Amino acid sequence: MTAFETKDDPAARAGAAANLAFLYLQEGDAEKAASFADAAVAHDKYDARALVNKGCVLLNRGDEKSLAAATACFESALALEADCVEARYNLGLARKRLGDAPAAIAAFEKVRDVVPDVNDSSASAGAHVEALWHIADLRAAAGEAAAAAAAFEKVEERAVVVRAAAARVAEETAAAARAAAARAA
């Protein structure tokens, strides 16, 4: 990070800080993640990725004030990049945790509608299935049994396809690794 701190390029500093915030969040170091997320937004308040990372740090705190602030970060990111799936998905999570089921469902339905329903193990397929699951869960909590059952059935159907595609990719990767090892020997 220090190399980027000396550059006169706010976008580079924001990008580096956003990446570090994400990494520290994945490592479970909330304090460092928050510090770099704040730095990323300070360097470039128009960087949707920086706003998403800051929102994720706040989302992980889980208290009502942090969830409200996370919602604002995700909404700001969406104002900059309306097709930012990460912002939309995490907005759904924040609204779900705040107890705003209608707004959470709307966010997850938008993710479901924007992310292709593909027959593979890609991140897109995973985001689609996760959005479906949250829609089903929220519908079940609201007592909408028929809508919840239909959504859960779709989740189960997609999960089978994703697992099959992932198994195929794993088999192909193993075969390629064996072939590469044989060539190297």
Protein backbone atom coordinates (compact mmCIF):
# COMPACT_ATOMS: atom_id res chain seq x y z
CA MET A 1 0.00 0.00 0.00
CA THR A 2 2.79 2.45 0.77
CA ALA A 3 3.90 2.53 -2.89
CA PHE A 4 0.40 3.57 -3.89
CA GLU A 5 0.16 6.13 -1.10
CA THR A 6 2.97 8.17 -2.67
CA LYS A 7 1.43 8.24 -6.14
CA ASP A 8 -0.67 11.19 -7.17
CA ASP A 9 -3.36 8.90 -8.54
CA PRO A 10 -6.47 8.73 -6.37
CA ALA A 11 -7.89 5.88 -8.45
CA ALA A 12 -4.77 3.75 -7.90
CA ARG A 13 -4.78 4.50 -4.17
CA ALA A 14 -8.50 3.76 -3.95
CA GLY A 15 -8.07 0.51 -5.85
CA ALA A 16 -5.18 -0.66 -3.69
CA ALA A 17 -6.98 0.25 -0.48
CA ALA A 18 -10.20 -1.42 -1.68
CA ASN A 19 -8.28 -4.61 -2.49
CA LEU A 20 -6.63 -4.61 0.93
CA ALA A 21 -9.95 -3.95 2.64
CA PHE A 22 -11.43 -6.96 0.85
CA LEU A 23 -8.45 -9.16 1.78
CA TYR A 24 -8.52 -8.14 5.44
CA LEU A 25 -12.27 -8.71 5.54
CA GLN A 26 -11.74 -12.23 4.17
CA GLU A 27 -9.03 -12.81 6.78
CA GLY A 28 -11.41 -11.73 9.54
CA ASP A 29 -9.45 -8.61 10.54
CA ALA A 30 -12.37 -6.19 10.76
CA GLU A 31 -10.29 -3.32 12.15
CA LYS A 32 -7.77 -3.30 9.28
CA ALA A 33 -10.55 -3.93 6.75
CA ALA A 34 -12.41 -0.89 8.05
CA SER A 35 -9.29 1.26 7.95
CA PHE A 36 -8.53 0.39 4.32
CA ALA A 37 -12.20 0.60 3.30
CA ASP A 38 -12.35 4.13 4.73
CA ALA A 39 -9.10 5.01 2.95
CA ALA A 40 -10.42 3.66 -0.36
CA VAL A 41 -13.53 5.82 -0.18
CA ALA A 42 -11.49 8.83 0.98
CA HIS A 43 -9.19 8.46 -2.04
CA ASP A 44 -12.06 8.12 -4.51
CA LYS A 45 -15.65 8.54 -3.36
CA TYR A 46 -16.81 7.67 -6.89
CA ASP A 47 -15.31 4.16 -6.83
CA ALA A 48 -18.24 1.73 -6.62
CA ARG A 49 -15.97 -1.13 -5.59
CA ALA A 50 -14.59 0.92 -2.68
CA LEU A 51 -18.13 1.72 -1.57
CA VAL A 52 -19.13 -1.95 -1.78
CA ASN A 53 -16.14 -2.99 0.32
CA LYS A 54 -16.90 -0.33 2.92
CA GLY A 55 -20.51 -1.49 2.95
CA CYS A 56 -19.40 -5.09 3.46
CA VAL A 57 -17.25 -4.07 6.43
CA LEU A 58 -20.26 -2.31 7.94
CA LEU A 59 -22.55 -5.22 7.08
CA ASN A 60 -20.29 -7.58 9.00
CA ARG A 61 -20.51 -5.43 12.12
CA GLY A 62 -24.20 -6.28 12.18
CA ASP A 63 -25.57 -3.59 14.48
CA GLU A 64 -28.49 -1.50 13.25
CA LYS A 65 -26.47 1.70 12.79
CA SER A 66 -23.80 -0.14 10.78
CA LEU A 67 -26.44 -1.92 8.69
CA ALA A 68 -28.07 1.42 7.85
CA ALA A 69 -24.66 2.84 6.88
CA ALA A 70 -23.94 -0.29 4.80
CA THR A 71 -27.24 0.22 2.99
CA ALA A 72 -26.20 3.79 2.15
CA CYS A 73 -22.83 2.55 0.80
CA PHE A 74 -24.50 -0.05 -1.42
CA GLU A 75 -27.05 2.47 -2.68
CA SER A 76 -24.25 4.93 -3.48
CA ALA A 77 -22.37 2.21 -5.36
CA LEU A 78 -25.52 1.43 -7.35
CA ALA A 79 -25.97 5.11 -8.17
CA LEU A 80 -22.48 4.99 -9.72
CA GLU A 81 -22.81 1.54 -11.34
CA ALA A 82 -26.42 0.44 -11.64
CA ASP A 83 -25.37 -3.04 -12.79
CA CYS A 84 -23.06 -3.75 -9.82
CA VAL A 85 -24.28 -7.19 -8.75
CA GLU A 86 -22.17 -7.18 -5.56
CA ALA A 87 -23.76 -3.93 -4.41
CA ARG A 88 -27.27 -5.15 -5.24
CA TYR A 89 -26.79 -8.54 -3.53
CA ASN A 90 -25.26 -7.01 -0.39
CA LEU A 91 -28.00 -4.38 -0.33
CA GLY A 92 -30.44 -7.27 -0.14
CA LEU A 93 -28.50 -8.78 2.77
CA ALA A 94 -28.40 -5.46 4.64
CA ARG A 95 -32.11 -4.86 4.16
CA LYS A 96 -32.89 -8.45 5.19
CA ARG A 97 -30.90 -8.01 8.41
CA LEU A 98 -32.67 -4.70 9.05
CA GLY A 99 -36.01 -6.53 8.78
CA ASP A 100 -37.11 -4.77 5.58
CA ALA A 101 -38.28 -7.90 3.77
CA PRO A 102 -40.01 -6.17 0.82
CA ALA A 103 -36.89 -4.12 0.01
CA ALA A 104 -34.65 -7.17 0.50
CA ILE A 105 -36.80 -9.27 -1.83
CA ALA A 106 -36.73 -6.48 -4.43
CA ALA A 107 -32.92 -6.38 -4.29
CA PHE A 108 -32.59 -10.17 -4.55
CA GLU A 109 -35.12 -10.32 -7.38
CA LYS A 110 -33.06 -7.74 -9.27
CA VAL A 111 -29.95 -9.91 -8.79
CA ARG A 112 -31.92 -12.93 -9.97
CA ASP A 113 -33.12 -11.02 -13.03
CA VAL A 114 -29.72 -9.51 -13.91
CA VAL A 115 -27.47 -12.51 -13.28
CA PRO A 116 -27.80 -15.15 -15.97
CA ASP A 117 -29.32 -18.48 -15.01
CA VAL A 118 -26.43 -20.50 -16.40
CA ASN A 119 -25.70 -24.19 -16.27
CA ASP A 120 -22.21 -24.03 -14.86
CA SER A 121 -20.26 -23.53 -11.65
CA SER A 122 -19.38 -19.87 -12.29
CA ALA A 123 -19.72 -17.08 -9.77
CA SER A 124 -22.74 -15.91 -11.77
CA ALA A 125 -24.49 -19.24 -11.27
CA GLY A 126 -23.70 -19.07 -7.56
CA ALA A 127 -25.02 -15.52 -7.21
CA HIS A 128 -28.21 -16.50 -9.03
CA VAL A 129 -28.80 -19.47 -6.72
CA GLU A 130 -27.99 -17.45 -3.59
CA ALA A 131 -30.42 -14.71 -4.61
CA LEU A 132 -33.10 -17.36 -5.21
CA TRP A 133 -32.41 -18.86 -1.78
CA HIS A 134 -32.82 -15.50 -0.02
CA ILE A 135 -36.05 -14.84 -1.90
CA ALA A 136 -37.35 -18.25 -0.82
CA ASP A 137 -36.24 -17.71 2.77
CA LEU A 138 -37.89 -14.29 2.96
CA ARG A 139 -41.09 -15.60 1.39
CA ALA A 140 -41.15 -18.47 3.91
CA ALA A 141 -40.64 -16.06 6.81
CA ALA A 142 -43.54 -13.97 5.51
CA GLY A 143 -45.79 -17.04 5.49
CA GLU A 144 -45.99 -17.16 1.69
CA ALA A 145 -45.75 -20.96 1.58
CA ALA A 146 -46.51 -21.49 -2.12
CA ALA A 147 -44.08 -18.80 -3.30
CA ALA A 148 -41.41 -20.05 -0.89
CA ALA A 149 -41.85 -23.67 -2.00
CA ALA A 150 -41.57 -22.70 -5.68
CA ALA A 151 -38.43 -20.67 -5.01
CA PHE A 152 -36.85 -23.43 -2.90
CA GLU A 153 -37.57 -25.94 -5.67
CA LYS A 154 -35.78 -23.68 -8.15
CA VAL A 155 -32.83 -23.39 -5.73
CA GLU A 156 -32.62 -27.17 -5.43
CA GLU A 157 -32.84 -27.60 -9.21
CA ARG A 158 -30.09 -25.02 -9.84
CA ALA A 159 -27.89 -26.40 -7.05
CA VAL A 160 -27.92 -29.84 -8.69
CA VAL A 161 -26.86 -28.30 -12.01
CA VAL A 162 -24.13 -26.20 -10.39
CA ARG A 163 -22.78 -29.20 -8.44
CA ALA A 164 -22.72 -31.29 -11.64
CA ALA A 165 -20.91 -28.55 -13.54
CA ALA A 166 -18.42 -28.13 -10.69
CA ALA A 167 -17.74 -31.87 -10.68
CA ARG A 168 -17.16 -31.77 -14.43
CA VAL A 169 -14.72 -28.86 -14.06
CA ALA A 170 -12.91 -30.71 -11.25
CA GLU A 171 -12.60 -33.84 -13.41
CA GLU A 172 -11.31 -31.84 -16.39
CA THR A 173 -8.84 -29.99 -14.17
CA ALA A 174 -7.55 -33.23 -12.66
CA ALA A 175 -7.13 -34.73 -16.14
CA ALA A 176 -5.27 -31.64 -17.34
CA ALA A 177 -3.02 -31.73 -14.25
CA ARG A 178 -2.24 -35.42 -14.83
CA ALA A 179 -1.44 -34.73 -18.50
CA ALA A 180 0.81 -31.79 -17.56
CA ALA A 181 2.61 -33.90 -14.95
CA ALA A 182 3.11 -36.70 -17.49
CA ARG A 183 4.59 -34.23 -19.99
CA ALA A 184 6.88 -32.80 -17.32
CA ALA A 185 8.15 -36.25 -16.31
